[in-house]
Amino acid sequence: MHDVLRLIAVFLLIAGLLVSALGVVRWAKRRSAGTAIGFGGLMLVLAALAFLLRDLAARDLLVEFAQRYTAAWCSHDPARVASFYSESGLLAINNGAPAVGRKAVEAAARSFMTGYPDLVVKFDRIVPKGERVLYHWTFIGTNTGPGGTGNRVRIRGYEDWTIGTDGLIATSVGHFDAQDWDRQVKGTAALPK
């Protein structure tokens, strides 16, 4: 749908410019140009609407993708999380060593799910940034995994995604306040509301 709307928008844009140019040429030669200019203008307006619809459709697809990604985290199935990444997808968190490839992404997700068996991820919002997408989330869980402190954590952050040609995450660079995370895990900070 997204590609079809783009093709329609480009066609209408080019046709509108050509018809408008024809109208201007006719006007310059003192011929009746009102119809051509009006029709060209209409085509340009329709092109703008098609581009707008394309952007709205793309945003809807991103929101739906983010909702399914969030559900994968909440499923406590690390393979399901990894399935949102390209085969050679990369996940890096707070400038840490990147997990490269689905198996490595799966292991990274498993470490969170093991440390926080009751973990819940909430989808806050999506912010498109040109070729990138910022996926904002809230992580809630109790550190009761092996060697855990038993303290509850609630922290907000985001992942900076690049989506690959396969429609999956090619790179995800995660960001959150690691010092606040440590304080919450150790029980030395009040949970944010």
C-alpha atoms as a PDB file:
ATOM      1  CA  MET A   1       0.000   0.000   0.000  1.00  0.00           C
ATOM      2  CA  HIS A   2       2.828   2.355   0.960  1.00  0.00           C
ATOM      3  CA  ASP A   3       4.607   1.871  -2.415  1.00  0.00           C
ATOM      4  CA  VAL A   4       1.356   2.212  -4.383  1.00  0.00           C
ATOM      5  CA  LEU A   5       0.595   5.542  -2.697  1.00  0.00           C
ATOM      6  CA  ARG A   6       4.112   6.756  -3.455  1.00  0.00           C
ATOM      7  CA  LEU A   7       3.727   5.841  -7.151  1.00  0.00           C
ATOM      8  CA  ILE A   8       0.347   7.589  -7.339  1.00  0.00           C
ATOM      9  CA  ALA A   9       1.770  10.670  -5.604  1.00  0.00           C
ATOM     10  CA  VAL A  10       4.787  10.855  -7.927  1.00  0.00           C
ATOM     11  CA  PHE A  11       2.573  10.379 -11.006  1.00  0.00           C
ATOM     12  CA  LEU A  12       0.180  13.109  -9.882  1.00  0.00           C
ATOM     13  CA  LEU A  13       3.052  15.439  -9.044  1.00  0.00           C
ATOM     14  CA  ILE A  14       4.702  15.036 -12.450  1.00  0.00           C
ATOM     15  CA  ALA A  15       1.396  15.208 -14.331  1.00  0.00           C
ATOM     16  CA  GLY A  16       0.301  18.258 -12.332  1.00  0.00           C
ATOM     17  CA  LEU A  17       3.560  20.050 -13.078  1.00  0.00           C
ATOM     18  CA  LEU A  18       3.337  19.232 -16.792  1.00  0.00           C
ATOM     19  CA  VAL A  19      -0.302  20.298 -17.099  1.00  0.00           C
ATOM     20  CA  SER A  20       0.386  23.486 -15.124  1.00  0.00           C
ATOM     21  CA  ALA A  21       3.411  24.224 -17.328  1.00  0.00           C
ATOM     22  CA  LEU A  22       1.222  23.721 -20.420  1.00  0.00           C
ATOM     23  CA  GLY A  23      -1.291  26.170 -18.970  1.00  0.00           C
ATOM     24  CA  VAL A  24       1.431  28.748 -18.321  1.00  0.00           C
ATOM     25  CA  VAL A  25       2.728  28.360 -21.890  1.00  0.00           C
ATOM     26  CA  ARG A  26      -0.802  28.796 -23.242  1.00  0.00           C
ATOM     27  CA  TRP A  27      -1.294  31.840 -21.007  1.00  0.00           C
ATOM     28  CA  ALA A  28       1.990  33.333 -22.255  1.00  0.00           C
ATOM     29  CA  LYS A  29       0.763  32.928 -25.838  1.00  0.00           C
ATOM     30  CA  ARG A  30      -2.482  34.666 -24.885  1.00  0.00           C
ATOM     31  CA  ARG A  31      -4.564  31.543 -25.301  1.00  0.00           C
ATOM     32  CA  SER A  32      -7.146  30.187 -22.934  1.00  0.00           C
ATOM     33  CA  ALA A  33      -5.110  28.627 -20.118  1.00  0.00           C
ATOM     34  CA  GLY A  34      -7.483  28.660 -17.163  1.00  0.00           C
ATOM     35  CA  THR A  35      -8.619  25.054 -17.523  1.00  0.00           C
ATOM     36  CA  ALA A  36      -5.077  23.673 -17.859  1.00  0.00           C
ATOM     37  CA  ILE A  37      -3.764  25.695 -14.908  1.00  0.00           C
ATOM     38  CA  GLY A  38      -6.782  24.743 -12.778  1.00  0.00           C
ATOM     39  CA  PHE A  39      -6.519  21.055 -13.678  1.00  0.00           C
ATOM     40  CA  GLY A  40      -2.747  21.099 -13.065  1.00  0.00           C
ATOM     41  CA  GLY A  41      -3.291  22.734  -9.694  1.00  0.00           C
ATOM     42  CA  LEU A  42      -5.875  20.108  -8.788  1.00  0.00           C
ATOM     43  CA  MET A  43      -3.413  17.357  -9.703  1.00  0.00           C
ATOM     44  CA  LEU A  44      -0.752  18.988  -7.495  1.00  0.00           C
ATOM     45  CA  VAL A  45      -3.192  19.119  -4.570  1.00  0.00           C
ATOM     46  CA  LEU A  46      -4.048  15.437  -5.113  1.00  0.00           C
ATOM     47  CA  ALA A  47      -0.324  14.616  -5.232  1.00  0.00           C
ATOM     48  CA  ALA A  48       0.167  16.366  -1.883  1.00  0.00           C
ATOM     49  CA  LEU A  49      -2.733  14.375  -0.411  1.00  0.00           C
ATOM     50  CA  ALA A  50      -1.287  11.109  -1.751  1.00  0.00           C
ATOM     51  CA  PHE A  51       2.085  11.925  -0.144  1.00  0.00           C
ATOM     52  CA  LEU A  52       0.314  12.711   3.132  1.00  0.00           C
ATOM     53  CA  LEU A  53      -1.639   9.442   3.012  1.00  0.00           C
ATOM     54  CA  ARG A  54       1.585   7.572   2.254  1.00  0.00           C
ATOM     55  CA  ASP A  55       3.244   9.089   5.322  1.00  0.00           C
ATOM     56  CA  LEU A  56       0.220   8.281   7.501  1.00  0.00           C
ATOM     57  CA  ALA A  57       0.166   4.685   6.207  1.00  0.00           C
ATOM     58  CA  ALA A  58       3.895   4.334   6.907  1.00  0.00           C
ATOM     59  CA  ARG A  59       3.421   5.678  10.444  1.00  0.00           C
ATOM     60  CA  ASP A  60       0.540   3.242  11.051  1.00  0.00           C
ATOM     61  CA  LEU A  61       2.796   0.382   9.939  1.00  0.00           C
ATOM     62  CA  LEU A  62       5.529   1.541  12.326  1.00  0.00           C
ATOM     63  CA  VAL A  63       3.095   1.790  15.238  1.00  0.00           C
ATOM     64  CA  GLU A  64       1.758  -1.699  14.502  1.00  0.00           C
ATOM     65  CA  PHE A  65       5.338  -3.054  14.259  1.00  0.00           C
ATOM     66  CA  ALA A  66       6.245  -1.398  17.589  1.00  0.00           C
ATOM     67  CA  GLN A  67       3.135  -2.839  19.262  1.00  0.00           C
ATOM     68  CA  ARG A  68       4.028  -6.355  18.081  1.00  0.00           C
ATOM     69  CA  TYR A  69       7.656  -5.847  19.197  1.00  0.00           C
ATOM     70  CA  THR A  70       6.432  -4.756  22.630  1.00  0.00           C
ATOM     71  CA  ALA A  71       4.172  -7.817  22.837  1.00  0.00           C
ATOM     72  CA  ALA A  72       7.193  -9.995  21.983  1.00  0.00           C
ATOM     73  CA  TRP A  73       9.092  -8.585  24.974  1.00  0.00           C
ATOM     74  CA  CYS A  74       6.082  -9.147  27.224  1.00  0.00           C
ATOM     75  CA  SER A  75       5.746 -12.747  25.970  1.00  0.00           C
ATOM     76  CA  HIS A  76       8.995 -13.676  27.772  1.00  0.00           C
ATOM     77  CA  ASP A  77      10.098 -15.523  24.616  1.00  0.00           C
ATOM     78  CA  PRO A  78      13.532 -14.186  23.611  1.00  0.00           C
ATOM     79  CA  ALA A  79      13.348 -15.908  20.198  1.00  0.00           C
ATOM     80  CA  ARG A  80      10.175 -13.962  19.482  1.00  0.00           C
ATOM     81  CA  VAL A  81      12.000 -10.688  20.239  1.00  0.00           C
ATOM     82  CA  ALA A  82      14.915 -11.721  18.002  1.00  0.00           C
ATOM     83  CA  SER A  83      12.511 -12.462  15.133  1.00  0.00           C
ATOM     84  CA  PHE A  84      11.991  -8.684  14.743  1.00  0.00           C
ATOM     85  CA  TYR A  85      15.662  -8.301  13.767  1.00  0.00           C
ATOM     86  CA  SER A  86      17.267  -8.928  10.395  1.00  0.00           C
ATOM     87  CA  GLU A  87      19.449 -12.044  10.240  1.00  0.00           C
ATOM     88  CA  SER A  88      22.521  -9.886  10.891  1.00  0.00           C
ATOM     89  CA  GLY A  89      20.624  -7.330  12.998  1.00  0.00           C
ATOM     90  CA  LEU A  90      22.438  -5.467  15.742  1.00  0.00           C
ATOM     91  CA  LEU A  91      21.278  -4.536  19.247  1.00  0.00           C
ATOM     92  CA  ALA A  92      23.484  -2.259  21.341  1.00  0.00           C
ATOM     93  CA  ILE A  93      22.470  -0.904  24.738  1.00  0.00           C
ATOM     94  CA  ASN A  94      24.000   2.222  26.297  1.00  0.00           C
ATOM     95  CA  ASN A  95      27.216   1.968  24.259  1.00  0.00           C
ATOM     96  CA  GLY A  96      27.766  -1.605  25.447  1.00  0.00           C
ATOM     97  CA  ALA A  97      29.112  -4.405  23.292  1.00  0.00           C
ATOM     98  CA  PRO A  98      26.608  -4.980  20.484  1.00  0.00           C
ATOM     99  CA  ALA A  99      24.680  -8.208  20.066  1.00  0.00           C
ATOM    100  CA  VAL A 100      25.037  -9.027  16.357  1.00  0.00           C
ATOM    101  CA  GLY A 101      22.744 -11.553  14.694  1.00  0.00           C
ATOM    102  CA  ARG A 102      19.476 -13.054  15.856  1.00  0.00           C
ATOM    103  CA  LYS A 103      21.069 -15.580  18.235  1.00  0.00           C
ATOM    104  CA  ALA A 104      22.998 -12.811  19.994  1.00  0.00           C
ATOM    105  CA  VAL A 105      19.888 -10.590  20.160  1.00  0.00           C
ATOM    106  CA  GLU A 106      17.984 -13.565  21.570  1.00  0.00           C
ATOM    107  CA  ALA A 107      20.673 -14.018  24.259  1.00  0.00           C
ATOM    108  CA  ALA A 108      20.501 -10.307  25.173  1.00  0.00           C
ATOM    109  CA  ALA A 109      16.702 -10.473  25.490  1.00  0.00           C
ATOM    110  CA  ARG A 110      16.985 -13.681  27.528  1.00  0.00           C
ATOM    111  CA  SER A 111      19.325 -11.961  30.010  1.00  0.00           C
ATOM    112  CA  PHE A 112      16.689  -9.294  30.739  1.00  0.00           C
ATOM    113  CA  MET A 113      13.924 -11.892  30.963  1.00  0.00           C
ATOM    114  CA  THR A 114      15.979 -14.047  33.326  1.00  0.00           C
ATOM    115  CA  GLY A 115      16.962 -11.153  35.587  1.00  0.00           C
ATOM    116  CA  TYR A 116      13.416  -9.770  35.639  1.00  0.00           C
ATOM    117  CA  PRO A 117      11.013 -12.739  35.358  1.00  0.00           C
ATOM    118  CA  ASP A 118       7.967 -10.453  35.732  1.00  0.00           C
ATOM    119  CA  LEU A 119       9.203  -7.901  33.212  1.00  0.00           C
ATOM    120  CA  VAL A 120       6.674  -5.801  31.339  1.00  0.00           C
ATOM    121  CA  VAL A 121       7.602  -3.454  28.510  1.00  0.00           C
ATOM    122  CA  LYS A 122       5.156  -0.691  27.663  1.00  0.00           C
ATOM    123  CA  PHE A 123       5.129   1.016  24.275  1.00  0.00           C
ATOM    124  CA  ASP A 124       5.165   4.775  24.864  1.00  0.00           C
ATOM    125  CA  ARG A 125       5.502   6.254  21.372  1.00  0.00           C
ATOM    126  CA  ILE A 126       7.228   6.148  17.987  1.00  0.00           C
ATOM    127  CA  VAL A 127       9.134   9.144  16.624  1.00  0.00           C
ATOM    128  CA  PRO A 128      10.155   8.888  12.944  1.00  0.00           C
ATOM    129  CA  LYS A 129      13.506  10.627  12.299  1.00  0.00           C
ATOM    130  CA  GLY A 130      14.112  10.451   8.544  1.00  0.00           C
ATOM    131  CA  GLU A 131      15.535   6.999   7.842  1.00  0.00           C
ATOM    132  CA  ARG A 132      15.529   6.148  11.559  1.00  0.00           C
ATOM    133  CA  VAL A 133      12.763   5.522  14.089  1.00  0.00           C
ATOM    134  CA  LEU A 134      12.882   6.207  17.826  1.00  0.00           C
ATOM    135  CA  TYR A 135      10.903   3.571  19.742  1.00  0.00           C
ATOM    136  CA  HIS A 136      10.187   4.896  23.270  1.00  0.00           C
ATOM    137  CA  TRP A 137       9.391   2.365  25.998  1.00  0.00           C
ATOM    138  CA  THR A 138       8.941   1.894  29.736  1.00  0.00           C
ATOM    139  CA  PHE A 139      10.535  -1.168  31.379  1.00  0.00           C
ATOM    140  CA  ILE A 140       8.946  -2.469  34.588  1.00  0.00           C
ATOM    141  CA  GLY A 141      10.145  -5.516  36.490  1.00  0.00           C
ATOM    142  CA  THR A 142      11.443  -6.981  39.726  1.00  0.00           C
ATOM    143  CA  ASN A 143      15.064  -8.085  39.914  1.00  0.00           C
ATOM    144  CA  THR A 144      14.332 -11.582  41.262  1.00  0.00           C
ATOM    145  CA  GLY A 145      16.428 -13.592  38.810  1.00  0.00           C
ATOM    146  CA  PRO A 146      19.627 -15.428  39.849  1.00  0.00           C
ATOM    147  CA  GLY A 147      21.569 -13.202  42.262  1.00  0.00           C
ATOM    148  CA  GLY A 148      18.787 -10.600  42.129  1.00  0.00           C
ATOM    149  CA  THR A 149      18.176  -7.949  44.751  1.00  0.00           C
ATOM    150  CA  GLY A 150      14.405  -8.358  44.819  1.00  0.00           C
ATOM    151  CA  ASN A 151      13.970  -4.670  44.028  1.00  0.00           C
ATOM    152  CA  ARG A 152      11.509  -3.321  41.504  1.00  0.00           C
ATOM    153  CA  VAL A 153      12.672  -1.280  38.518  1.00  0.00           C
ATOM    154  CA  ARG A 154      10.679   1.168  36.418  1.00  0.00           C
ATOM    155  CA  ILE A 155      12.652   3.065  33.826  1.00  0.00           C
ATOM    156  CA  ARG A 156      12.002   4.822  30.555  1.00  0.00           C
ATOM    157  CA  GLY A 157      14.224   4.711  27.518  1.00  0.00           C
ATOM    158  CA  TYR A 158      14.242   4.381  23.781  1.00  0.00           C
ATOM    159  CA  GLU A 159      15.738   2.400  20.954  1.00  0.00           C
ATOM    160  CA  ASP A 160      17.072   4.175  17.880  1.00  0.00           C
ATOM    161  CA  TRP A 161      16.104   1.848  15.022  1.00  0.00           C
ATOM    162  CA  THR A 162      17.215   1.584  11.447  1.00  0.00           C
ATOM    163  CA  ILE A 163      14.786  -0.615   9.523  1.00  0.00           C
ATOM    164  CA  GLY A 164      16.350  -2.843   6.857  1.00  0.00           C
ATOM    165  CA  THR A 165      15.077  -3.529   3.361  1.00  0.00           C
ATOM    166  CA  ASP A 166      13.487  -6.714   4.742  1.00  0.00           C
ATOM    167  CA  GLY A 167      11.208  -4.591   6.967  1.00  0.00           C
ATOM    168  CA  LEU A 168      12.964  -5.779  10.135  1.00  0.00           C
ATOM    169  CA  ILE A 169      15.279  -3.998  12.571  1.00  0.00           C
ATOM    170  CA  ALA A 170      18.770  -3.756  11.054  1.00  0.00           C
ATOM    171  CA  THR A 171      20.198  -1.801  13.991  1.00  0.00           C
ATOM    172  CA  SER A 172      18.809  -0.863  17.368  1.00  0.00           C
ATOM    173  CA  VAL A 173      20.783   1.353  19.704  1.00  0.00           C
ATOM    174  CA  GLY A 174      19.110   1.430  23.112  1.00  0.00           C
ATOM    175  CA  HIS A 175      19.385   4.290  25.592  1.00  0.00           C
ATOM    176  CA  PHE A 176      18.294   4.619  29.213  1.00  0.00           C
ATOM    177  CA  ASP A 177      19.658   6.157  32.419  1.00  0.00           C
ATOM    178  CA  ALA A 178      21.998   3.398  33.635  1.00  0.00           C
ATOM    179  CA  GLN A 179      22.773   5.184  36.917  1.00  0.00           C
ATOM    180  CA  ASP A 180      19.080   5.431  37.759  1.00  0.00           C
ATOM    181  CA  TRP A 181      18.700   1.740  36.800  1.00  0.00           C
ATOM    182  CA  ASP A 182      21.533   0.789  39.192  1.00  0.00           C
ATOM    183  CA  ARG A 183      20.039   2.863  42.016  1.00  0.00           C
ATOM    184  CA  GLN A 184      16.658   1.179  41.539  1.00  0.00           C
ATOM    185  CA  VAL A 185      18.160  -2.316  41.376  1.00  0.00           C
ATOM    186  CA  LYS A 186      20.144  -1.638  44.570  1.00  0.00           C
ATOM    187  CA  GLY A 187      17.075  -0.127  46.250  1.00  0.00           C
ATOM    188  CA  THR A 188      18.617   3.293  46.774  1.00  0.00           C
ATOM    189  CA  ALA A 189      16.185   5.242  44.569  1.00  0.00           C
ATOM    190  CA  ALA A 190      12.473   5.849  44.630  1.00  0.00           C
ATOM    191  CA  LEU A 191      10.631   4.468  41.610  1.00  0.00           C
ATOM    192  CA  PRO A 192       9.521   7.093  39.099  1.00  0.00           C
ATOM    193  CA  LYS A 193       5.789   7.491  38.684  1.00  0.00           C
END
